């Protein structure tokens, strides 16, 4: 593939991901208006290198987009999930070009 074709494919993938994020954001609230929360076992089950889709499938929700930026060919997205456990429990996962590169959690059980 040429660089131009690679870029077009990358942009198409980003557009598809944005559409999926929008649909997931609309669908994330389940019964009684509550969305699935990430448990400590789910946090440990996701591994560096997992795709966003794999993580969202493991947790059962899209999470909440915390930040997103693009620097050159590097697309970085941080997604937060409310957590099961103590008040304020949450997990923050950072993805670059669609793959998990960092994860942190507070108070998950």
N, C-alpha and C. Protein backbone atom coordinates (compact mmCIF):
# COMPACT_ATOMS: atom_id res chain seq x y z
N UNK A 1 0.84 -1.19 0.00
CA UNK A 1 0.00 0.00 0.00
C UNK A 1 0.88 1.25 0.00
N UNK A 2 0.35 2.26 -0.60
CA UNK A 2 1.06 3.53 -0.58
C UNK A 2 0.75 4.26 0.72
N UNK A 3 1.55 5.27 0.98
CA UNK A 3 1.34 6.05 2.19
C UNK A 3 -0.04 6.72 2.16
N UNK A 4 -0.46 7.17 0.98
CA UNK A 4 -1.77 7.80 0.85
C UNK A 4 -2.90 6.79 1.13
N UNK A 5 -2.76 5.57 0.62
CA UNK A 5 -3.76 4.54 0.86
C UNK A 5 -3.78 4.14 2.34
N UNK A 6 -2.60 4.05 2.96
CA UNK A 6 -2.53 3.74 4.39
C UNK A 6 -3.25 4.81 5.20
N UNK A 7 -3.02 6.06 4.84
CA UNK A 7 -3.65 7.18 5.55
C UNK A 7 -5.17 7.14 5.38
N UNK A 8 -5.63 6.85 4.16
CA UNK A 8 -7.07 6.77 3.91
C UNK A 8 -7.70 5.65 4.72
N UNK A 9 -7.02 4.51 4.80
CA UNK A 9 -7.52 3.38 5.58
C UNK A 9 -7.57 3.74 7.06
N UNK A 10 -6.53 4.42 7.55
CA UNK A 10 -6.47 4.85 8.94
C UNK A 10 -7.63 5.81 9.25
N UNK A 11 -7.85 6.78 8.36
CA UNK A 11 -8.94 7.74 8.57
C UNK A 11 -10.30 7.05 8.55
N UNK A 12 -10.47 6.07 7.67
CA UNK A 12 -11.74 5.31 7.62
C UNK A 12 -11.95 4.54 8.91
N UNK A 13 -10.86 3.95 9.44
CA UNK A 13 -10.96 3.23 10.71
C UNK A 13 -11.32 4.17 11.84
N UNK A 14 -10.74 5.38 11.84
CA UNK A 14 -11.06 6.37 12.88
C UNK A 14 -12.52 6.80 12.79
N UNK A 15 -13.02 6.99 11.57
CA UNK A 15 -14.42 7.38 11.39
C UNK A 15 -15.34 6.28 11.89
N UNK A 16 -15.00 5.03 11.58
CA UNK A 16 -15.80 3.90 12.05
C UNK A 16 -15.77 3.83 13.58
N UNK A 17 -14.59 4.05 14.16
CA UNK A 17 -14.47 4.02 15.62
C UNK A 17 -15.29 5.13 16.25
N UNK A 18 -15.29 6.32 15.65
CA UNK A 18 -16.08 7.44 16.18
C UNK A 18 -17.56 7.11 16.14
N UNK A 19 -18.00 6.50 15.05
CA UNK A 19 -19.40 6.09 14.93
C UNK A 19 -19.74 5.06 16.01
N UNK A 20 -18.86 4.08 16.20
CA UNK A 20 -19.09 3.07 17.23
C UNK A 20 -19.11 3.69 18.61
N UNK A 21 -18.22 4.67 18.87
CA UNK A 21 -18.22 5.34 20.17
C UNK A 21 -19.54 6.05 20.40
N UNK A 22 -20.03 6.71 19.36
CA UNK A 22 -21.30 7.42 19.49
C UNK A 22 -22.45 6.46 19.78
N UNK A 23 -22.48 5.34 19.06
CA UNK A 23 -23.53 4.35 19.29
C UNK A 23 -23.37 3.74 20.68
N UNK A 24 -22.13 3.48 21.08
CA UNK A 24 -21.89 2.88 22.39
C UNK A 24 -22.28 3.85 23.51
N UNK A 25 -21.97 5.15 23.31
CA UNK A 25 -22.34 6.14 24.32
C UNK A 25 -23.86 6.17 24.51
N UNK A 26 -24.61 6.07 23.39
CA UNK A 26 -26.07 6.08 23.48
C UNK A 26 -26.60 4.80 24.11
N UNK A 27 -25.88 3.68 23.92
CA UNK A 27 -26.38 2.39 24.38
C UNK A 27 -25.84 1.98 25.75
N UNK A 28 -24.92 2.76 26.32
CA UNK A 28 -24.25 2.31 27.53
C UNK A 28 -25.14 2.27 28.76
N UNK A 29 -26.22 3.05 28.77
CA UNK A 29 -27.09 3.04 29.93
C UNK A 29 -28.09 1.91 29.82
N UNK A 30 -28.00 0.98 30.74
CA UNK A 30 -28.86 -0.19 30.73
C UNK A 30 -30.08 0.04 31.60
N UNK A 31 -30.55 -1.04 32.20
CA UNK A 31 -31.72 -0.98 33.05
C UNK A 31 -31.51 0.01 34.19
N UNK A 32 -32.57 0.71 34.51
CA UNK A 32 -32.57 1.68 35.61
C UNK A 32 -31.55 2.79 35.39
N UNK A 33 -31.13 3.03 34.13
CA UNK A 33 -30.22 4.12 33.85
C UNK A 33 -28.81 3.91 34.34
N UNK A 34 -28.46 2.70 34.71
CA UNK A 34 -27.12 2.44 35.22
C UNK A 34 -26.29 1.75 34.16
N UNK A 35 -25.03 2.11 34.10
CA UNK A 35 -24.15 1.47 33.14
C UNK A 35 -23.26 0.46 33.87
N UNK A 36 -22.80 -0.54 33.17
CA UNK A 36 -21.92 -1.52 33.81
C UNK A 36 -20.67 -0.85 34.37
N UNK A 37 -20.23 -1.35 35.49
CA UNK A 37 -19.02 -0.84 36.14
C UNK A 37 -17.90 -1.86 35.98
N UNK A 38 -16.67 -1.39 35.99
CA UNK A 38 -15.53 -2.28 35.87
C UNK A 38 -15.19 -2.85 37.25
N UNK A 39 -15.00 -4.16 37.30
CA UNK A 39 -14.59 -4.81 38.54
C UNK A 39 -13.06 -4.95 38.54
N UNK A 40 -12.51 -5.27 39.70
CA UNK A 40 -11.07 -5.49 39.81
C UNK A 40 -10.64 -6.68 38.96
N UNK A 41 -11.46 -7.72 38.91
CA UNK A 41 -11.10 -8.89 38.09
C UNK A 41 -11.11 -8.53 36.60
N UNK A 42 -12.05 -7.68 36.16
CA UNK A 42 -12.05 -7.23 34.77
C UNK A 42 -10.83 -6.37 34.49
N UNK A 43 -10.47 -5.52 35.45
CA UNK A 43 -9.28 -4.68 35.29
C UNK A 43 -8.04 -5.54 35.08
N UNK A 44 -7.92 -6.59 35.89
CA UNK A 44 -6.75 -7.48 35.76
C UNK A 44 -6.81 -8.32 34.48
N UNK A 45 -8.01 -8.56 33.97
CA UNK A 45 -8.16 -9.39 32.77
C UNK A 45 -7.69 -8.67 31.50
N UNK A 46 -7.82 -7.34 31.48
CA UNK A 46 -7.37 -6.61 30.29
C UNK A 46 -5.86 -6.44 30.36
N UNK A 47 -5.22 -6.60 29.21
CA UNK A 47 -3.76 -6.59 29.13
C UNK A 47 -3.28 -5.50 28.19
N UNK A 48 -2.10 -5.00 28.47
CA UNK A 48 -1.48 -4.06 27.54
C UNK A 48 -1.43 -4.71 26.17
N UNK A 49 -1.79 -3.95 25.16
CA UNK A 49 -1.84 -4.47 23.80
C UNK A 49 -3.23 -4.88 23.36
N UNK A 50 -4.19 -5.02 24.32
CA UNK A 50 -5.57 -5.34 23.94
C UNK A 50 -6.16 -4.17 23.16
N UNK A 51 -7.08 -4.47 22.24
CA UNK A 51 -7.74 -3.42 21.47
C UNK A 51 -8.86 -2.79 22.30
N UNK A 52 -9.27 -1.60 21.90
CA UNK A 52 -10.39 -0.94 22.57
C UNK A 52 -11.62 -1.84 22.54
N UNK A 53 -11.89 -2.43 21.38
CA UNK A 53 -13.07 -3.30 21.25
C UNK A 53 -12.99 -4.47 22.22
N UNK A 54 -11.81 -5.08 22.35
CA UNK A 54 -11.65 -6.22 23.27
C UNK A 54 -11.92 -5.79 24.70
N UNK A 55 -11.40 -4.64 25.10
CA UNK A 55 -11.61 -4.15 26.47
C UNK A 55 -13.08 -3.84 26.70
N UNK A 56 -13.71 -3.15 25.76
CA UNK A 56 -15.13 -2.82 25.92
C UNK A 56 -15.98 -4.08 25.99
N UNK A 57 -15.61 -5.08 25.25
CA UNK A 57 -16.33 -6.35 25.29
C UNK A 57 -16.14 -7.03 26.64
N UNK A 58 -14.93 -7.01 27.16
CA UNK A 58 -14.63 -7.63 28.46
C UNK A 58 -15.43 -6.95 29.58
N UNK A 59 -15.49 -5.62 29.55
CA UNK A 59 -16.16 -4.87 30.61
C UNK A 59 -17.67 -4.84 30.41
N UNK A 60 -18.11 -4.85 29.18
CA UNK A 60 -19.54 -4.81 28.91
C UNK A 60 -20.08 -3.42 28.70
N UNK A 61 -19.19 -2.44 28.56
CA UNK A 61 -19.63 -1.07 28.26
C UNK A 61 -18.50 -0.33 27.56
N UNK A 62 -18.88 0.80 26.96
CA UNK A 62 -17.91 1.61 26.21
C UNK A 62 -17.06 2.48 27.12
N UNK A 63 -17.50 2.70 28.36
CA UNK A 63 -16.80 3.63 29.22
C UNK A 63 -17.10 5.06 28.81
N UNK A 64 -16.42 6.01 29.42
CA UNK A 64 -16.61 7.43 29.13
C UNK A 64 -15.32 8.01 28.58
N UNK A 65 -15.41 8.64 27.44
CA UNK A 65 -14.24 9.26 26.83
C UNK A 65 -13.77 10.40 27.72
N UNK A 66 -12.53 10.29 28.22
CA UNK A 66 -11.97 11.32 29.09
C UNK A 66 -11.14 12.33 28.31
N UNK A 67 -10.37 11.84 27.35
CA UNK A 67 -9.58 12.74 26.52
C UNK A 67 -9.22 12.04 25.22
N UNK A 68 -8.92 12.86 24.23
CA UNK A 68 -8.54 12.33 22.92
C UNK A 68 -7.66 13.36 22.24
N UNK A 69 -6.56 12.90 21.64
CA UNK A 69 -5.74 13.82 20.87
C UNK A 69 -5.04 13.09 19.74
N UNK A 70 -4.58 13.86 18.80
CA UNK A 70 -3.90 13.35 17.62
C UNK A 70 -2.62 14.15 17.45
N UNK A 71 -1.49 13.47 17.46
CA UNK A 71 -0.21 14.10 17.19
C UNK A 71 0.44 13.29 16.08
N UNK A 72 0.51 13.86 14.90
CA UNK A 72 1.03 13.11 13.76
C UNK A 72 0.18 11.87 13.53
N UNK A 73 0.82 10.73 13.47
CA UNK A 73 0.10 9.47 13.26
C UNK A 73 -0.30 8.80 14.57
N UNK A 74 -0.07 9.46 15.71
CA UNK A 74 -0.37 8.87 17.01
C UNK A 74 -1.70 9.40 17.53
N UNK A 75 -2.70 8.53 17.59
CA UNK A 75 -4.04 8.86 18.08
C UNK A 75 -4.16 8.28 19.48
N UNK A 76 -4.32 9.15 20.48
CA UNK A 76 -4.38 8.73 21.88
C UNK A 76 -5.76 9.01 22.44
N UNK A 77 -6.32 7.99 23.12
CA UNK A 77 -7.65 8.09 23.72
C UNK A 77 -7.56 7.58 25.16
N UNK A 78 -8.10 8.34 26.10
CA UNK A 78 -8.20 7.89 27.49
C UNK A 78 -9.68 7.67 27.80
N UNK A 79 -10.00 6.50 28.33
CA UNK A 79 -11.38 6.14 28.64
C UNK A 79 -11.46 5.77 30.12
N UNK A 80 -12.48 6.31 30.78
CA UNK A 80 -12.70 6.05 32.21
C UNK A 80 -13.94 5.17 32.39
N UNK A 81 -13.83 4.21 33.29
CA UNK A 81 -14.97 3.40 33.69
C UNK A 81 -15.22 3.62 35.17
N UNK A 82 -16.48 3.80 35.56
CA UNK A 82 -16.83 3.77 36.97
C UNK A 82 -16.50 2.37 37.46
N UNK A 83 -16.21 2.25 38.74
CA UNK A 83 -15.79 0.95 39.24
C UNK A 83 -16.68 0.37 40.31
N UNK A 84 -16.64 -0.94 40.39
CA UNK A 84 -17.28 -1.65 41.50
C UNK A 84 -16.34 -1.53 42.69
N UNK A 85 -16.90 -1.21 43.84
CA UNK A 85 -16.07 -1.10 45.03
C UNK A 85 -16.42 0.14 45.82
N UNK A 86 -15.38 0.78 46.35
CA UNK A 86 -15.55 1.95 47.20
C UNK A 86 -16.15 3.11 46.41
N UNK A 87 -16.70 4.06 47.14
CA UNK A 87 -17.22 5.27 46.51
C UNK A 87 -16.09 5.93 45.74
N UNK A 88 -16.35 6.28 44.50
CA UNK A 88 -15.33 6.92 43.67
C UNK A 88 -14.42 5.94 42.94
N UNK A 89 -14.67 4.64 43.10
CA UNK A 89 -13.84 3.65 42.42
C UNK A 89 -13.93 3.86 40.91
N UNK A 90 -12.79 3.75 40.24
CA UNK A 90 -12.78 3.93 38.79
C UNK A 90 -11.52 3.33 38.19
N UNK A 91 -11.55 3.22 36.88
CA UNK A 91 -10.38 2.76 36.13
C UNK A 91 -10.19 3.70 34.95
N UNK A 92 -8.95 4.03 34.67
CA UNK A 92 -8.60 4.88 33.53
C UNK A 92 -7.66 4.09 32.63
N UNK A 93 -8.07 3.89 31.39
CA UNK A 93 -7.26 3.15 30.43
C UNK A 93 -6.92 4.05 29.25
N UNK A 94 -5.67 4.00 28.83
CA UNK A 94 -5.19 4.83 27.73
C UNK A 94 -4.82 3.95 26.56
N UNK A 95 -5.31 4.34 25.38
CA UNK A 95 -5.09 3.58 24.15
C UNK A 95 -4.37 4.47 23.15
N UNK A 96 -3.42 3.89 22.42
CA UNK A 96 -2.78 4.60 21.32
C UNK A 96 -3.00 3.79 20.05
N UNK A 97 -3.51 4.48 19.04
CA UNK A 97 -3.86 3.85 17.77
C UNK A 97 -4.69 2.59 17.98
N UNK A 98 -5.59 2.66 18.98
CA UNK A 98 -6.55 1.60 19.20
C UNK A 98 -6.14 0.49 20.14
N UNK A 99 -4.93 0.58 20.75
CA UNK A 99 -4.45 -0.51 21.60
C UNK A 99 -4.03 0.02 22.97
N UNK A 100 -4.32 -0.77 24.00
CA UNK A 100 -4.06 -0.39 25.39
C UNK A 100 -2.57 -0.25 25.66
N UNK A 101 -2.18 0.94 26.17
CA UNK A 101 -0.78 1.19 26.48
C UNK A 101 -0.56 1.52 27.96
N UNK A 102 -1.64 1.85 28.68
CA UNK A 102 -1.50 2.20 30.09
C UNK A 102 -2.84 1.98 30.78
N UNK A 103 -2.79 1.54 32.03
CA UNK A 103 -4.03 1.39 32.80
C UNK A 103 -3.74 1.70 34.26
N UNK A 104 -4.74 2.30 34.91
CA UNK A 104 -4.64 2.58 36.34
C UNK A 104 -6.04 2.45 36.94
N UNK A 105 -6.09 2.19 38.24
CA UNK A 105 -7.37 2.05 38.91
C UNK A 105 -7.28 2.58 40.33
N UNK A 106 -8.42 2.99 40.86
CA UNK A 106 -8.52 3.44 42.24
C UNK A 106 -9.74 2.80 42.87
N UNK A 107 -9.53 2.06 43.93
CA UNK A 107 -10.63 1.54 44.74
C UNK A 107 -11.46 0.41 44.15
N UNK A 108 -11.02 -0.20 43.07
CA UNK A 108 -11.80 -1.30 42.49
C UNK A 108 -11.80 -2.50 43.43
N UNK A 109 -12.91 -3.23 43.44
CA UNK A 109 -12.99 -4.46 44.22
C UNK A 109 -13.54 -5.57 43.37
